[in-house]
Amino acid sequence: MFIHEAVHEAVKKEKYITLKDLSGRIKIKPTNGPGNLIIMQADGSRPSKAGWQPSAEDLLRDDWIVID
């Protein structure tokens, strides 16, 4: 799915998003809070600094998925 579809579903269901090729390694929590996005290891460990600067290619991808 496209990123806007994945973000909409993840926010609604309080889940995370990732790209298929990053699944099992990285997950992203979209929020409306400080930092807006929290990027962490797939197991929930080591949350990074809040925020993310996607490339145009990232935003155009259609293989975003929603995960727990």
N, C-alpha and C. Protein backbone atom coordinates (compact mmCIF):
# COMPACT_ATOMS: atom_id res chain seq x y z
N MET A 1 0.84 -1.17 0.00
CA MET A 1 0.00 0.00 0.00
C MET A 1 0.89 1.23 0.00
N PHE A 2 0.32 2.37 -0.36
CA PHE A 2 1.07 3.62 -0.34
C PHE A 2 1.18 4.12 1.09
N ILE A 3 2.16 4.99 1.34
CA ILE A 3 2.45 5.42 2.70
C ILE A 3 1.25 6.07 3.37
N HIS A 4 0.48 6.86 2.64
CA HIS A 4 -0.67 7.52 3.28
C HIS A 4 -1.71 6.50 3.73
N GLU A 5 -1.85 5.42 2.98
CA GLU A 5 -2.79 4.36 3.37
C GLU A 5 -2.28 3.63 4.61
N ALA A 6 -0.99 3.34 4.63
CA ALA A 6 -0.39 2.63 5.76
C ALA A 6 -0.45 3.48 7.03
N VAL A 7 -0.14 4.77 6.91
CA VAL A 7 -0.17 5.65 8.08
C VAL A 7 -1.60 5.75 8.61
N HIS A 8 -2.57 5.92 7.73
CA HIS A 8 -3.97 6.02 8.15
C HIS A 8 -4.38 4.79 8.95
N GLU A 9 -4.07 3.61 8.44
CA GLU A 9 -4.43 2.36 9.12
C GLU A 9 -3.67 2.20 10.43
N ALA A 10 -2.38 2.52 10.43
CA ALA A 10 -1.56 2.37 11.64
C ALA A 10 -2.04 3.30 12.75
N VAL A 11 -2.36 4.52 12.43
CA VAL A 11 -2.84 5.46 13.45
C VAL A 11 -4.18 4.98 13.99
N LYS A 12 -5.05 4.56 13.11
CA LYS A 12 -6.38 4.09 13.50
C LYS A 12 -6.29 2.88 14.44
N LYS A 13 -5.37 1.96 14.16
CA LYS A 13 -5.25 0.71 14.91
C LYS A 13 -4.11 0.74 15.94
N GLU A 14 -3.44 1.90 16.10
CA GLU A 14 -2.31 2.05 17.01
C GLU A 14 -1.23 1.00 16.74
N LYS A 15 -0.81 0.92 15.48
CA LYS A 15 0.22 -0.02 15.05
C LYS A 15 1.39 0.73 14.45
N TYR A 16 2.26 0.03 13.78
CA TYR A 16 3.47 0.58 13.17
C TYR A 16 3.43 0.35 11.67
N ILE A 17 4.33 1.05 10.95
CA ILE A 17 4.49 0.82 9.52
C ILE A 17 5.95 0.46 9.25
N THR A 18 6.15 -0.20 8.12
CA THR A 18 7.50 -0.49 7.66
C THR A 18 7.42 -0.77 6.16
N LEU A 19 8.54 -0.90 5.55
CA LEU A 19 8.62 -1.32 4.15
C LEU A 19 8.87 -2.82 4.12
N LYS A 20 8.38 -3.48 3.10
CA LYS A 20 8.53 -4.94 3.03
C LYS A 20 9.98 -5.37 3.19
N ASP A 21 10.91 -4.64 2.58
CA ASP A 21 12.31 -5.05 2.67
C ASP A 21 12.96 -4.72 4.01
N LEU A 22 12.27 -3.97 4.87
CA LEU A 22 12.77 -3.67 6.21
C LEU A 22 12.03 -4.45 7.28
N SER A 23 11.00 -5.18 6.89
CA SER A 23 10.18 -5.94 7.84
C SER A 23 11.05 -6.90 8.64
N GLY A 24 10.84 -6.91 9.94
CA GLY A 24 11.65 -7.75 10.82
C GLY A 24 12.90 -7.06 11.32
N ARG A 25 13.16 -5.84 10.80
CA ARG A 25 14.35 -5.10 11.24
C ARG A 25 13.99 -3.73 11.82
N ILE A 26 13.14 -2.99 11.14
CA ILE A 26 12.81 -1.62 11.54
C ILE A 26 11.30 -1.43 11.50
N LYS A 27 10.78 -0.68 12.48
CA LYS A 27 9.38 -0.29 12.43
C LYS A 27 9.26 1.18 12.80
N ILE A 28 8.23 1.83 12.29
CA ILE A 28 8.03 3.26 12.45
C ILE A 28 6.67 3.50 13.07
N LYS A 29 6.63 4.28 14.14
CA LYS A 29 5.37 4.61 14.81
C LYS A 29 4.97 6.02 14.39
N PRO A 30 3.95 6.16 13.52
CA PRO A 30 3.49 7.50 13.17
C PRO A 30 2.63 8.06 14.31
N THR A 31 2.92 9.30 14.72
CA THR A 31 2.16 9.95 15.79
C THR A 31 1.91 11.40 15.43
N ASN A 32 1.12 12.05 16.23
CA ASN A 32 0.94 13.49 16.13
C ASN A 32 1.63 14.19 17.29
N GLY A 33 2.44 13.44 18.02
CA GLY A 33 3.15 13.99 19.17
C GLY A 33 4.51 14.54 18.79
N PRO A 34 5.31 14.89 19.78
CA PRO A 34 6.64 15.42 19.53
C PRO A 34 7.45 14.48 18.64
N GLY A 35 8.04 15.02 17.62
CA GLY A 35 8.86 14.24 16.71
C GLY A 35 8.08 13.61 15.58
N ASN A 36 6.79 13.42 15.76
CA ASN A 36 5.87 12.88 14.76
C ASN A 36 6.07 11.42 14.39
N LEU A 37 7.30 10.95 14.29
CA LEU A 37 7.59 9.55 13.97
C LEU A 37 8.64 9.03 14.93
N ILE A 38 8.48 7.81 15.36
CA ILE A 38 9.49 7.18 16.20
C ILE A 38 9.96 5.94 15.46
N ILE A 39 11.24 5.88 15.19
CA ILE A 39 11.82 4.76 14.45
C ILE A 39 12.58 3.89 15.44
N MET A 40 12.35 2.57 15.36
CA MET A 40 12.99 1.66 16.31
C MET A 40 13.27 0.31 15.66
N GLN A 41 14.02 -0.51 16.37
CA GLN A 41 14.24 -1.89 15.94
C GLN A 41 12.89 -2.60 15.93
N ALA A 42 12.75 -3.61 15.13
CA ALA A 42 11.48 -4.33 15.00
C ALA A 42 11.01 -4.93 16.31
N ASP A 43 11.94 -5.26 17.22
CA ASP A 43 11.53 -5.83 18.50
C ASP A 43 11.15 -4.76 19.53
N GLY A 44 11.16 -3.49 19.12
CA GLY A 44 10.79 -2.39 20.00
C GLY A 44 11.95 -1.81 20.78
N SER A 45 13.12 -2.38 20.61
CA SER A 45 14.29 -1.88 21.34
C SER A 45 14.93 -0.72 20.60
N ARG A 46 15.74 -0.03 21.33
CA ARG A 46 16.56 1.07 20.82
C ARG A 46 15.80 2.07 19.96
N PRO A 47 14.76 2.71 20.50
CA PRO A 47 14.10 3.76 19.72
C PRO A 47 15.09 4.85 19.36
N SER A 48 15.03 5.31 18.15
CA SER A 48 15.94 6.35 17.70
C SER A 48 15.39 7.71 18.09
N LYS A 49 16.12 8.72 17.71
CA LYS A 49 15.61 10.07 17.87
C LYS A 49 14.30 10.16 17.08
N ALA A 50 13.40 10.96 17.56
CA ALA A 50 12.14 11.17 16.84
C ALA A 50 12.43 11.86 15.50
N GLY A 51 11.59 11.59 14.55
CA GLY A 51 11.71 12.25 13.26
C GLY A 51 12.22 11.34 12.17
N TRP A 52 12.04 11.78 10.93
CA TRP A 52 12.46 11.01 9.78
C TRP A 52 12.46 11.93 8.58
N GLN A 53 13.41 11.79 7.72
CA GLN A 53 13.46 12.59 6.51
C GLN A 53 13.46 11.65 5.31
N PRO A 54 12.27 11.31 4.81
CA PRO A 54 12.17 10.36 3.70
C PRO A 54 12.60 10.98 2.39
N SER A 55 13.06 10.13 1.51
CA SER A 55 13.37 10.57 0.16
C SER A 55 12.08 10.55 -0.67
N ALA A 56 12.11 11.16 -1.81
CA ALA A 56 10.96 11.12 -2.71
C ALA A 56 10.64 9.68 -3.08
N GLU A 57 11.68 8.88 -3.28
CA GLU A 57 11.49 7.46 -3.62
C GLU A 57 10.74 6.73 -2.50
N ASP A 58 11.11 7.01 -1.24
CA ASP A 58 10.41 6.41 -0.10
C ASP A 58 8.93 6.75 -0.12
N LEU A 59 8.62 8.00 -0.38
CA LEU A 59 7.23 8.45 -0.36
C LEU A 59 6.41 7.89 -1.52
N LEU A 60 7.05 7.54 -2.60
CA LEU A 60 6.35 7.01 -3.77
C LEU A 60 6.20 5.50 -3.77
N ARG A 61 6.88 4.82 -2.86
CA ARG A 61 6.81 3.36 -2.83
C ARG A 61 5.40 2.89 -2.51
N ASP A 62 5.05 1.74 -3.04
CA ASP A 62 3.71 1.18 -2.80
C ASP A 62 3.77 -0.14 -2.03
N ASP A 63 4.89 -0.36 -1.34
CA ASP A 63 5.04 -1.60 -0.58
C ASP A 63 5.15 -1.36 0.93
N TRP A 64 4.50 -0.30 1.41
CA TRP A 64 4.41 -0.07 2.84
C TRP A 64 3.43 -1.05 3.45
N ILE A 65 3.73 -1.53 4.65
CA ILE A 65 2.84 -2.46 5.33
C ILE A 65 2.63 -2.01 6.78
N VAL A 66 1.53 -2.45 7.37
CA VAL A 66 1.20 -2.17 8.76
C VAL A 66 1.54 -3.42 9.57
N ILE A 67 2.24 -3.20 10.70
CA ILE A 67 2.66 -4.33 11.55
C ILE A 67 2.37 -4.01 13.01
N ASP A 68 2.45 -5.03 13.86
CA ASP A 68 2.27 -4.84 15.31
C ASP A 68 3.52 -4.26 15.93
